[in-house]
Amino acid sequence: MTSEFRIGIVGGTGQLGSAIAHGLLRKQFITPEQLWISSRSNNVTAFKSGEPSTGSAGSGAAIQFTTCNQDLIDHCDVVIIAVPPPLLAALNIKAESYKGLLISVIAGVTIEQLQHYTGAERVIRAMTNPAAEKGLAYSPWCASSEVTTEDRQVALALFNAFGQTDEVTREGQIDQFTALIGPVPGFVAYYADCMVDYAVKAGIDPVIAERAIRQLFHASGVVLATAETSPADQVKAMIEYAGTTAAGLNAMQASPLADAIAEGLAAAYKKAQVISSADPSGQ
């Protein structure tokens, strides 16, 4: 279902910004004519694929491109900021009287910092990832006190258009989710690479090993996402089956693997907190 408002994406030609844009267009949440994109480079290559869902990005008759971030504030009902944290101070956005909704997916940047650097009051801070392009992102978000009920409905519909979403009440949890779900494939890719490496060392052809593990993770993701049972219950069931997988899981549970995973996630969370506590202006 197409929305009735215009959406602007600051940093919309970057990896995350373009993924969000393509996700919204593919779902037909907006039409190309309703989409504004600003970027420093004005590199619109990612929008010249010729796909019907994106319109004719190069013709000027569909998506509106600009190098001026303020254009989005002046023309859009919802503005999504998707730039690296160091670029926050250089946004050059004046939104003190902005009547729309400002959404940020900048890692580690707080609502207070967003309000300070933009002047906007109605601000939502979220975390998402490039899986948005395929409609597979998970996007938790937290709202400033000025955000209205209608704003929340808009945010919910928007995030659901490219995946799944939940509102969280504690802003600090967004830093946790930055560590948990920000990297795609990230941590999952590392585990897959370990499995591929094991298979290759066992004499399996690297191409075949990679194909097998890719398919394993694809199938596992679908099963995990659609199963009614929790991941913990599925592990328990496999152990109770007492087969080859049980032997592997028992060995893993007896190893420091869980502690190593927790250590890695804690390191990612710590980095997100460092960003949150830093001055984006670099001063």
C-alpha atoms as a PDB file:
ATOM      1  CA  MET A   1       0.000   0.000   0.000  1.00  0.00           C
ATOM      2  CA  THR A   2       1.500   3.333  -1.063  1.00  0.00           C
ATOM      3  CA  SER A   3       1.789   6.060   1.553  1.00  0.00           C
ATOM      4  CA  GLU A   4       0.611   9.592   0.889  1.00  0.00           C
ATOM      5  CA  PHE A   5       3.705  11.457   2.043  1.00  0.00           C
ATOM      6  CA  ARG A   6       7.134  12.283   0.697  1.00  0.00           C
ATOM      7  CA  ILE A   7      10.205  10.648   2.172  1.00  0.00           C
ATOM      8  CA  GLY A   8      13.716  12.047   2.008  1.00  0.00           C
ATOM      9  CA  ILE A   9      16.888  10.067   2.703  1.00  0.00           C
ATOM     10  CA  VAL A  10      20.048  11.937   3.652  1.00  0.00           C
ATOM     11  CA  GLY A  11      22.931   9.761   2.503  1.00  0.00           C
ATOM     12  CA  GLY A  12      20.540   7.927   0.208  1.00  0.00           C
ATOM     13  CA  THR A  13      23.213   6.788  -2.249  1.00  0.00           C
ATOM     14  CA  GLY A  14      25.291   5.065   0.447  1.00  0.00           C
ATOM     15  CA  GLN A  15      25.017   1.377   1.277  1.00  0.00           C
ATOM     16  CA  LEU A  16      22.422   1.726   4.033  1.00  0.00           C
ATOM     17  CA  GLY A  17      20.524   4.677   2.609  1.00  0.00           C
ATOM     18  CA  SER A  18      20.147   3.108  -0.831  1.00  0.00           C
ATOM     19  CA  ALA A  19      19.097  -0.213   0.747  1.00  0.00           C
ATOM     20  CA  ILE A  20      16.297   1.576   2.618  1.00  0.00           C
ATOM     21  CA  ALA A  21      15.255   3.430  -0.539  1.00  0.00           C
ATOM     22  CA  HIS A  22      15.137   0.258  -2.652  1.00  0.00           C
ATOM     23  CA  GLY A  23      13.285  -1.569   0.122  1.00  0.00           C
ATOM     24  CA  LEU A  24      10.591   1.103   0.296  1.00  0.00           C
ATOM     25  CA  LEU A  25      10.248   1.237  -3.485  1.00  0.00           C
ATOM     26  CA  ARG A  26      10.176  -2.536  -3.918  1.00  0.00           C
ATOM     27  CA  LYS A  27       7.399  -2.796  -1.334  1.00  0.00           C
ATOM     28  CA  GLN A  28       5.647   0.113  -3.125  1.00  0.00           C
ATOM     29  CA  PHE A  29       5.430   1.926   0.186  1.00  0.00           C
ATOM     30  CA  ILE A  30       6.181   5.036  -1.853  1.00  0.00           C
ATOM     31  CA  THR A  31       6.423   5.808  -5.555  1.00  0.00           C
ATOM     32  CA  PRO A  32       9.663   7.126  -7.075  1.00  0.00           C
ATOM     33  CA  GLU A  33       8.005  10.551  -7.365  1.00  0.00           C
ATOM     34  CA  GLN A  34       7.573  10.622  -3.566  1.00  0.00           C
ATOM     35  CA  LEU A  35      11.255   9.939  -2.860  1.00  0.00           C
ATOM     36  CA  TRP A  36      13.952  12.561  -2.338  1.00  0.00           C
ATOM     37  CA  ILE A  37      17.601  11.607  -1.944  1.00  0.00           C
ATOM     38  CA  SER A  38      20.486  13.818  -0.929  1.00  0.00           C
ATOM     39  CA  SER A  39      24.157  12.902  -0.989  1.00  0.00           C
ATOM     40  CA  ARG A  40      27.505  14.665  -1.157  1.00  0.00           C
ATOM     41  CA  SER A  41      28.626  12.617  -4.160  1.00  0.00           C
ATOM     42  CA  ASN A  42      25.322  12.747  -6.077  1.00  0.00           C
ATOM     43  CA  ASN A  43      26.282   9.307  -7.389  1.00  0.00           C
ATOM     44  CA  VAL A  44      22.976   7.853  -8.572  1.00  0.00           C
ATOM     45  CA  THR A  45      24.413   4.682 -10.106  1.00  0.00           C
ATOM     46  CA  ALA A  46      22.508   2.451  -7.684  1.00  0.00           C
ATOM     47  CA  PHE A  47      19.234   3.909  -8.985  1.00  0.00           C
ATOM     48  CA  LYS A  48      19.881   3.424 -12.708  1.00  0.00           C
ATOM     49  CA  SER A  49      19.248  -0.317 -12.846  1.00  0.00           C
ATOM     50  CA  GLY A  50      16.139   0.126 -14.936  1.00  0.00           C
ATOM     51  CA  GLU A  51      13.979  -1.777 -12.461  1.00  0.00           C
ATOM     52  CA  PRO A  52      10.313  -0.803 -12.726  1.00  0.00           C
ATOM     53  CA  SER A  53      10.119  -0.345  -8.941  1.00  0.00           C
ATOM     54  CA  THR A  54      12.677   2.486  -8.983  1.00  0.00           C
ATOM     55  CA  GLY A  55      11.396   4.411 -11.956  1.00  0.00           C
ATOM     56  CA  SER A  56      13.731   6.305 -14.250  1.00  0.00           C
ATOM     57  CA  ALA A  57      16.179   7.754 -11.757  1.00  0.00           C
ATOM     58  CA  GLY A  58      18.225   9.506 -14.408  1.00  0.00           C
ATOM     59  CA  SER A  59      15.334  11.281 -16.149  1.00  0.00           C
ATOM     60  CA  GLY A  60      14.517  13.739 -13.384  1.00  0.00           C
ATOM     61  CA  ALA A  61      10.857  12.747 -13.661  1.00  0.00           C
ATOM     62  CA  ALA A  62      10.901  10.253 -10.811  1.00  0.00           C
ATOM     63  CA  ILE A  63      13.243  10.271  -7.801  1.00  0.00           C
ATOM     64  CA  GLN A  64      14.421  13.739  -6.794  1.00  0.00           C
ATOM     65  CA  PHE A  65      18.202  13.942  -6.249  1.00  0.00           C
ATOM     66  CA  THR A  66      20.036  16.787  -4.570  1.00  0.00           C
ATOM     67  CA  THR A  67      23.338  17.589  -2.882  1.00  0.00           C
ATOM     68  CA  CYS A  68      21.592  19.920  -0.402  1.00  0.00           C
ATOM     69  CA  ASN A  69      20.302  18.216   2.749  1.00  0.00           C
ATOM     70  CA  GLN A  70      18.070  21.182   3.546  1.00  0.00           C
ATOM     71  CA  ASP A  71      16.073  20.463   0.379  1.00  0.00           C
ATOM     72  CA  LEU A  72      14.710  17.341   2.082  1.00  0.00           C
ATOM     73  CA  ILE A  73      13.589  19.288   5.148  1.00  0.00           C
ATOM     74  CA  ASP A  74      11.879  21.808   2.885  1.00  0.00           C
ATOM     75  CA  HIS A  75      10.068  19.263   0.716  1.00  0.00           C
ATOM     76  CA  CYS A  76       9.556  15.995   2.655  1.00  0.00           C
ATOM     77  CA  ASP A  77       7.161  14.840   5.362  1.00  0.00           C
ATOM     78  CA  VAL A  78       9.624  12.266   6.734  1.00  0.00           C
ATOM     79  CA  VAL A  79      13.412  12.596   6.567  1.00  0.00           C
ATOM     80  CA  ILE A  80      15.687   9.605   7.242  1.00  0.00           C
ATOM     81  CA  ILE A  81      19.322  10.369   8.064  1.00  0.00           C
ATOM     82  CA  ALA A  82      21.622   7.520   7.023  1.00  0.00           C
ATOM     83  CA  VAL A  83      25.166   8.883   7.158  1.00  0.00           C
ATOM     84  CA  PRO A  84      28.304   7.801   9.067  1.00  0.00           C
ATOM     85  CA  PRO A  85      28.534   9.266  12.618  1.00  0.00           C
ATOM     86  CA  PRO A  86      31.412  11.677  11.816  1.00  0.00           C
ATOM     87  CA  LEU A  87      29.204  13.435   9.233  1.00  0.00           C
ATOM     88  CA  LEU A  88      26.489  14.420  11.732  1.00  0.00           C
ATOM     89  CA  ALA A  89      28.034  17.802  12.465  1.00  0.00           C
ATOM     90  CA  ALA A  90      28.239  18.584   8.757  1.00  0.00           C
ATOM     91  CA  LEU A  91      24.583  17.890   7.937  1.00  0.00           C
ATOM     92  CA  ASN A  92      23.748  21.599   7.593  1.00  0.00           C
ATOM     93  CA  ILE A  93      20.108  20.962   8.426  1.00  0.00           C
ATOM     94  CA  LYS A  94      17.940  23.626  10.041  1.00  0.00           C
ATOM     95  CA  ALA A  95      14.800  21.943  11.278  1.00  0.00           C
ATOM     96  CA  GLU A  96      13.714  24.144  14.183  1.00  0.00           C
ATOM     97  CA  SER A  97      10.319  24.737  12.572  1.00  0.00           C
ATOM     98  CA  TYR A  98      10.147  21.405  10.723  1.00  0.00           C
ATOM     99  CA  LYS A  99       6.628  19.983  10.855  1.00  0.00           C
ATOM    100  CA  GLY A 100       7.662  16.512   9.709  1.00  0.00           C
ATOM    101  CA  LEU A 101       9.304  13.530  11.365  1.00  0.00           C
ATOM    102  CA  LEU A 102      13.083  13.086  11.547  1.00  0.00           C
ATOM    103  CA  ILE A 103      14.372   9.493  11.709  1.00  0.00           C
ATOM    104  CA  SER A 104      18.034   8.646  12.256  1.00  0.00           C
ATOM    105  CA  VAL A 105      19.737   5.324  11.614  1.00  0.00           C
ATOM    106  CA  ILE A 106      23.192   6.691  12.488  1.00  0.00           C
ATOM    107  CA  ALA A 107      25.022   4.257  14.754  1.00  0.00           C
ATOM    108  CA  GLY A 108      25.748   5.578  18.224  1.00  0.00           C
ATOM    109  CA  VAL A 109      24.234   9.051  17.808  1.00  0.00           C
ATOM    110  CA  THR A 110      21.729   9.899  20.546  1.00  0.00           C
ATOM    111  CA  ILE A 111      18.364  11.609  20.245  1.00  0.00           C
ATOM    112  CA  GLU A 112      19.765  14.561  22.201  1.00  0.00           C
ATOM    113  CA  GLN A 113      22.661  14.917  19.751  1.00  0.00           C
ATOM    114  CA  LEU A 114      20.286  14.705  16.791  1.00  0.00           C
ATOM    115  CA  GLN A 115      18.100  17.429  18.242  1.00  0.00           C
ATOM    116  CA  HIS A 116      21.143  19.594  18.948  1.00  0.00           C
ATOM    117  CA  TYR A 117      22.611  19.346  15.450  1.00  0.00           C
ATOM    118  CA  THR A 118      19.345  19.655  13.513  1.00  0.00           C
ATOM    119  CA  GLY A 119      17.039  21.690  15.738  1.00  0.00           C
ATOM    120  CA  ALA A 120      14.263  19.139  15.223  1.00  0.00           C
ATOM    121  CA  GLU A 121      12.116  18.051  18.165  1.00  0.00           C
ATOM    122  CA  ARG A 122      10.181  15.095  16.760  1.00  0.00           C
ATOM    123  CA  VAL A 123      13.035  12.640  16.410  1.00  0.00           C
ATOM    124  CA  ILE A 124      13.154   8.853  16.191  1.00  0.00           C
ATOM    125  CA  ARG A 125      16.446   7.033  16.645  1.00  0.00           C
ATOM    126  CA  ALA A 126      16.559   3.607  15.032  1.00  0.00           C
ATOM    127  CA  MET A 127      18.955   0.862  14.017  1.00  0.00           C
ATOM    128  CA  THR A 128      18.601  -1.137  10.836  1.00  0.00           C
ATOM    129  CA  ASN A 129      20.854  -2.785   8.248  1.00  0.00           C
ATOM    130  CA  PRO A 130      21.309  -3.243   4.472  1.00  0.00           C
ATOM    131  CA  ALA A 131      18.990  -6.274   4.525  1.00  0.00           C
ATOM    132  CA  ALA A 132      16.297  -3.592   4.190  1.00  0.00           C
ATOM    133  CA  GLU A 133      16.800  -3.783   0.425  1.00  0.00           C
ATOM    134  CA  LYS A 134      15.461  -7.349   0.430  1.00  0.00           C
ATOM    135  CA  GLY A 135      12.743  -6.640   2.999  1.00  0.00           C
ATOM    136  CA  LEU A 136      14.648  -8.609   5.653  1.00  0.00           C
ATOM    137  CA  ALA A 137      15.841  -5.932   8.087  1.00  0.00           C
ATOM    138  CA  TYR A 138      14.991  -5.743  11.768  1.00  0.00           C
ATOM    139  CA  SER A 139      14.657  -2.130  12.885  1.00  0.00           C
ATOM    140  CA  PRO A 140      14.190  -1.342  16.593  1.00  0.00           C
ATOM    141  CA  TRP A 141      13.545   2.312  17.395  1.00  0.00           C
ATOM    142  CA  CYS A 142      13.107   4.793  20.226  1.00  0.00           C
ATOM    143  CA  ALA A 143      11.261   8.116  20.121  1.00  0.00           C
ATOM    144  CA  SER A 144      11.775  11.539  21.653  1.00  0.00           C
ATOM    145  CA  SER A 145       9.076  12.782  24.001  1.00  0.00           C
ATOM    146  CA  GLU A 146       7.771  15.144  21.314  1.00  0.00           C
ATOM    147  CA  VAL A 147       6.941  12.308  18.885  1.00  0.00           C
ATOM    148  CA  THR A 148       3.176  11.955  18.418  1.00  0.00           C
ATOM    149  CA  THR A 149       0.926   8.920  18.134  1.00  0.00           C
ATOM    150  CA  GLU A 150       0.592   9.604  14.412  1.00  0.00           C
ATOM    151  CA  ASP A 151       4.392   9.759  14.111  1.00  0.00           C
ATOM    152  CA  ARG A 152       4.624   6.346  15.736  1.00  0.00           C
ATOM    153  CA  GLN A 153       2.138   4.907  13.280  1.00  0.00           C
ATOM    154  CA  VAL A 154       4.146   6.324  10.384  1.00  0.00           C
ATOM    155  CA  ALA A 155       7.410   4.900  11.773  1.00  0.00           C
ATOM    156  CA  LEU A 156       5.844   1.495  12.351  1.00  0.00           C
ATOM    157  CA  ALA A 157       4.487   1.322   8.801  1.00  0.00           C
ATOM    158  CA  LEU A 158       7.762   2.543   7.316  1.00  0.00           C
ATOM    159  CA  PHE A 159       9.996   0.053   9.152  1.00  0.00           C
ATOM    160  CA  ASN A 160       7.584  -2.805   8.477  1.00  0.00           C
ATOM    161  CA  ALA A 161       7.843  -1.983   4.772  1.00  0.00           C
ATOM    162  CA  PHE A 162      11.403  -3.317   4.675  1.00  0.00           C
ATOM    163  CA  GLY A 163      11.362  -5.926   7.435  1.00  0.00           C
ATOM    164  CA  GLN A 164      10.242  -6.210  11.037  1.00  0.00           C
ATOM    165  CA  THR A 165      10.317  -3.661  13.840  1.00  0.00           C
ATOM    166  CA  ASP A 166       9.679  -2.931  17.511  1.00  0.00           C
ATOM    167  CA  GLU A 167       9.628   0.260  19.555  1.00  0.00           C
ATOM    168  CA  VAL A 168      11.856   0.096  22.637  1.00  0.00           C
ATOM    169  CA  THR A 169      11.396   2.392  25.611  1.00  0.00           C
ATOM    170  CA  ARG A 170      15.051   2.689  26.671  1.00  0.00           C
ATOM    171  CA  GLU A 171      17.310   4.494  24.221  1.00  0.00           C
ATOM    172  CA  GLY A 172      20.387   2.677  25.530  1.00  0.00           C
ATOM    173  CA  GLN A 173      19.012  -0.526  24.034  1.00  0.00           C
ATOM    174  CA  ILE A 174      19.566   0.908  20.548  1.00  0.00           C
ATOM    175  CA  ASP A 175      23.315   0.665  21.212  1.00  0.00           C
ATOM    176  CA  GLN A 176      22.807  -2.981  22.141  1.00  0.00           C
ATOM    177  CA  PHE A 177      20.924  -3.595  18.920  1.00  0.00           C
ATOM    178  CA  THR A 178      23.646  -1.779  16.991  1.00  0.00           C
ATOM    179  CA  ALA A 179      25.977  -4.549  18.129  1.00  0.00           C
ATOM    180  CA  LEU A 180      23.445  -7.345  17.666  1.00  0.00           C
ATOM    181  CA  ILE A 181      21.690  -6.671  14.370  1.00  0.00           C
ATOM    182  CA  GLY A 182      23.593  -3.820  12.746  1.00  0.00           C
ATOM    183  CA  PRO A 183      26.111  -6.045  10.950  1.00  0.00           C
ATOM    184  CA  VAL A 184      24.601  -8.110   8.127  1.00  0.00           C
ATOM    185  CA  PRO A 185      25.891 -10.682   7.528  1.00  0.00           C
ATOM    186  CA  GLY A 186      28.649  -9.720   9.981  1.00  0.00           C
ATOM    187  CA  PHE A 187      28.928 -12.220  12.809  1.00  0.00           C
ATOM    188  CA  VAL A 188      26.908 -14.824  10.930  1.00  0.00           C
ATOM    189  CA  ALA A 189      29.354 -14.576   8.031  1.00  0.00           C
ATOM    190  CA  TYR A 190      32.244 -15.227  10.408  1.00  0.00           C
ATOM    191  CA  TYR A 191      30.611 -18.416  11.717  1.00  0.00           C
ATOM    192  CA  ALA A 192      29.888 -19.497   8.131  1.00  0.00           C
ATOM    193  CA  ASP A 193      33.491 -18.818   7.130  1.00  0.00           C
ATOM    194  CA  CYS A 194      34.705 -20.998  10.010  1.00  0.00           C
ATOM    195  CA  MET A 195      32.511 -23.830   8.759  1.00  0.00           C
ATOM    196  CA  VAL A 196      33.738 -23.408   5.184  1.00  0.00           C
ATOM    197  CA  ASP A 197      37.336 -23.432   6.408  1.00  0.00           C
ATOM    198  CA  TYR A 198      36.709 -26.647   8.369  1.00  0.00           C
ATOM    199  CA  ALA A 199      35.185 -28.323   5.298  1.00  0.00           C
ATOM    200  CA  VAL A 200      38.049 -27.265   3.031  1.00  0.00           C
ATOM    201  CA  LYS A 201      40.638 -28.569   5.505  1.00  0.00           C
ATOM    202  CA  ALA A 202      38.727 -31.858   5.473  1.00  0.00           C
ATOM    203  CA  GLY A 203      39.359 -32.096   1.727  1.00  0.00           C
ATOM    204  CA  ILE A 204      36.091 -30.751   0.316  1.00  0.00           C
ATOM    205  CA  ASP A 205      36.361 -28.568  -2.769  1.00  0.00           C
ATOM    206  CA  PRO A 206      36.223 -24.879  -1.683  1.00  0.00           C
ATOM    207  CA  VAL A 207      33.498 -24.008  -4.198  1.00  0.00           C
ATOM    208  CA  ILE A 208      31.321 -26.905  -3.063  1.00  0.00           C
ATOM    209  CA  ALA A 209      32.012 -26.180   0.606  1.00  0.00           C
ATOM    210  CA  GLU A 210      30.969 -22.557   0.237  1.00  0.00           C
ATOM    211  CA  ARG A 211      27.836 -23.453  -1.721  1.00  0.00           C
ATOM    212  CA  ALA A 212      26.824 -25.987   0.924  1.00  0.00           C
ATOM    213  CA  ILE A 213      27.346 -23.593   3.844  1.00  0.00           C
ATOM    214  CA  ARG A 214      25.600 -20.715   2.088  1.00  0.00           C
ATOM    215  CA  GLN A 215      22.570 -22.926   1.575  1.00  0.00           C
ATOM    216  CA  LEU A 216      22.760 -24.165   5.168  1.00  0.00           C
ATOM    217  CA  PHE A 217      22.620 -20.622   6.526  1.00  0.00           C
ATOM    218  CA  HIS A 218      19.872 -19.618   4.123  1.00  0.00           C
ATOM    219  CA  ALA A 219      17.743 -22.596   5.157  1.00  0.00           C
ATOM    220  CA  SER A 220      18.546 -22.110   8.841  1.00  0.00           C
ATOM    221  CA  GLY A 221      17.552 -18.442   8.664  1.00  0.00           C
ATOM    222  CA  VAL A 222      14.199 -19.283   7.106  1.00  0.00           C
ATOM    223  CA  VAL A 223      13.527 -22.007   9.675  1.00  0.00           C
ATOM    224  CA  LEU A 224      14.506 -19.795  12.608  1.00  0.00           C
ATOM    225  CA  ALA A 225      12.411 -16.909  11.315  1.00  0.00           C
ATOM    226  CA  THR A 226       9.271 -18.964  10.749  1.00  0.00           C
ATOM    227  CA  ALA A 227       9.380 -21.584  13.511  1.00  0.00           C
ATOM    228  CA  GLU A 228       7.088 -21.243  16.512  1.00  0.00           C
ATOM    229  CA  THR A 229       9.721 -22.711  18.830  1.00  0.00           C
ATOM    230  CA  SER A 230      12.549 -20.549  20.179  1.00  0.00           C
ATOM    231  CA  PRO A 231      16.202 -21.049  19.170  1.00  0.00           C
ATOM    232  CA  ALA A 232      16.871 -22.473  22.636  1.00  0.00           C
ATOM    233  CA  ASP A 233      14.053 -25.014  22.252  1.00  0.00           C
ATOM    234  CA  GLN A 234      15.357 -26.051  18.846  1.00  0.00           C
ATOM    235  CA  VAL A 235      18.852 -26.629  20.275  1.00  0.00           C
ATOM    236  CA  LYS A 236      17.331 -28.669  23.099  1.00  0.00           C
ATOM    237  CA  ALA A 237      15.329 -30.793  20.652  1.00  0.00           C
ATOM    238  CA  MET A 238      18.408 -31.529  18.543  1.00  0.00           C
ATOM    239  CA  ILE A 239      20.411 -32.533  21.607  1.00  0.00           C
ATOM    240  CA  GLU A 240      17.610 -34.813  22.795  1.00  0.00           C
ATOM    241  CA  TYR A 241      17.611 -36.495  19.378  1.00  0.00           C
ATOM    242  CA  ALA A 242      21.114 -37.682  20.287  1.00  0.00           C
ATOM    243  CA  GLY A 243      22.476 -37.774  16.751  1.00  0.00           C
ATOM    244  CA  THR A 244      25.543 -36.311  15.091  1.00  0.00           C
ATOM    245  CA  THR A 245      24.342 -32.728  15.598  1.00  0.00           C
ATOM    246  CA  ALA A 246      23.838 -33.447  19.291  1.00  0.00           C
ATOM    247  CA  ALA A 247      27.447 -34.560  19.557  1.00  0.00           C
ATOM    248  CA  GLY A 248      28.582 -31.306  17.967  1.00  0.00           C
ATOM    249  CA  LEU A 249      26.305 -29.154  20.103  1.00  0.00           C
ATOM    250  CA  ASN A 250      27.405 -30.883  23.307  1.00  0.00           C
ATOM    251  CA  ALA A 251      31.038 -30.209  22.416  1.00  0.00           C
ATOM    252  CA  MET A 252      30.287 -26.562  21.613  1.00  0.00           C
ATOM    253  CA  GLN A 253      28.362 -26.056  24.859  1.00  0.00           C
ATOM    254  CA  ALA A 254      31.281 -27.505  26.791  1.00  0.00           C
ATOM    255  CA  SER A 255      33.707 -25.152  25.034  1.00  0.00           C
ATOM    256  CA  PRO A 256      34.307 -21.394  25.620  1.00  0.00           C
ATOM    257  CA  LEU A 257      32.307 -20.630  22.428  1.00  0.00           C
ATOM    258  CA  ALA A 258      29.382 -18.942  24.186  1.00  0.00           C
ATOM    259  CA  ASP A 259      31.772 -16.751  26.183  1.00  0.00           C
ATOM    260  CA  ALA A 260      33.668 -15.843  23.009  1.00  0.00           C
ATOM    261  CA  ILE A 261      30.444 -14.796  21.269  1.00  0.00           C
ATOM    262  CA  ALA A 262      29.425 -12.718  24.290  1.00  0.00           C
ATOM    263  CA  GLU A 263      32.877 -11.113  24.329  1.00  0.00           C
ATOM    264  CA  GLY A 264      32.579 -10.158  20.666  1.00  0.00           C
ATOM    265  CA  LEU A 265      29.112  -8.673  21.121  1.00  0.00           C
ATOM    266  CA  ALA A 266      30.279  -6.756  24.191  1.00  0.00           C
ATOM    267  CA  ALA A 267      33.142  -5.280  22.179  1.00  0.00           C
ATOM    268  CA  ALA A 268      30.723  -4.137  19.466  1.00  0.00           C
ATOM    269  CA  TYR A 269      28.410  -2.634  22.099  1.00  0.00           C
ATOM    270  CA  LYS A 270      31.336  -0.835  23.729  1.00  0.00           C
ATOM    271  CA  LYS A 271      32.234   0.706  20.375  1.00  0.00           C
ATOM    272  CA  ALA A 272      28.644   1.927  19.942  1.00  0.00           C
ATOM    273  CA  GLN A 273      28.804   3.531  23.394  1.00  0.00           C
ATOM    274  CA  VAL A 274      32.068   5.264  22.495  1.00  0.00           C
ATOM    275  CA  ILE A 275      30.345   6.787  19.478  1.00  0.00           C
ATOM    276  CA  SER A 276      27.381   7.850  21.612  1.00  0.00           C
ATOM    277  CA  SER A 277      29.605   9.616  24.142  1.00  0.00           C
ATOM    278  CA  ALA A 278      31.772  11.309  21.526  1.00  0.00           C
ATOM    279  CA  ASP A 279      31.246  14.787  20.121  1.00  0.00           C
ATOM    280  CA  PRO A 280      30.290  14.292  16.444  1.00  0.00           C
ATOM    281  CA  SER A 281      31.943  17.613  15.641  1.00  0.00           C
ATOM    282  CA  GLY A 282      35.268  16.071  16.613  1.00  0.00           C
ATOM    283  CA  GLN A 283      35.951  18.768  19.202  1.00  0.00           C
END
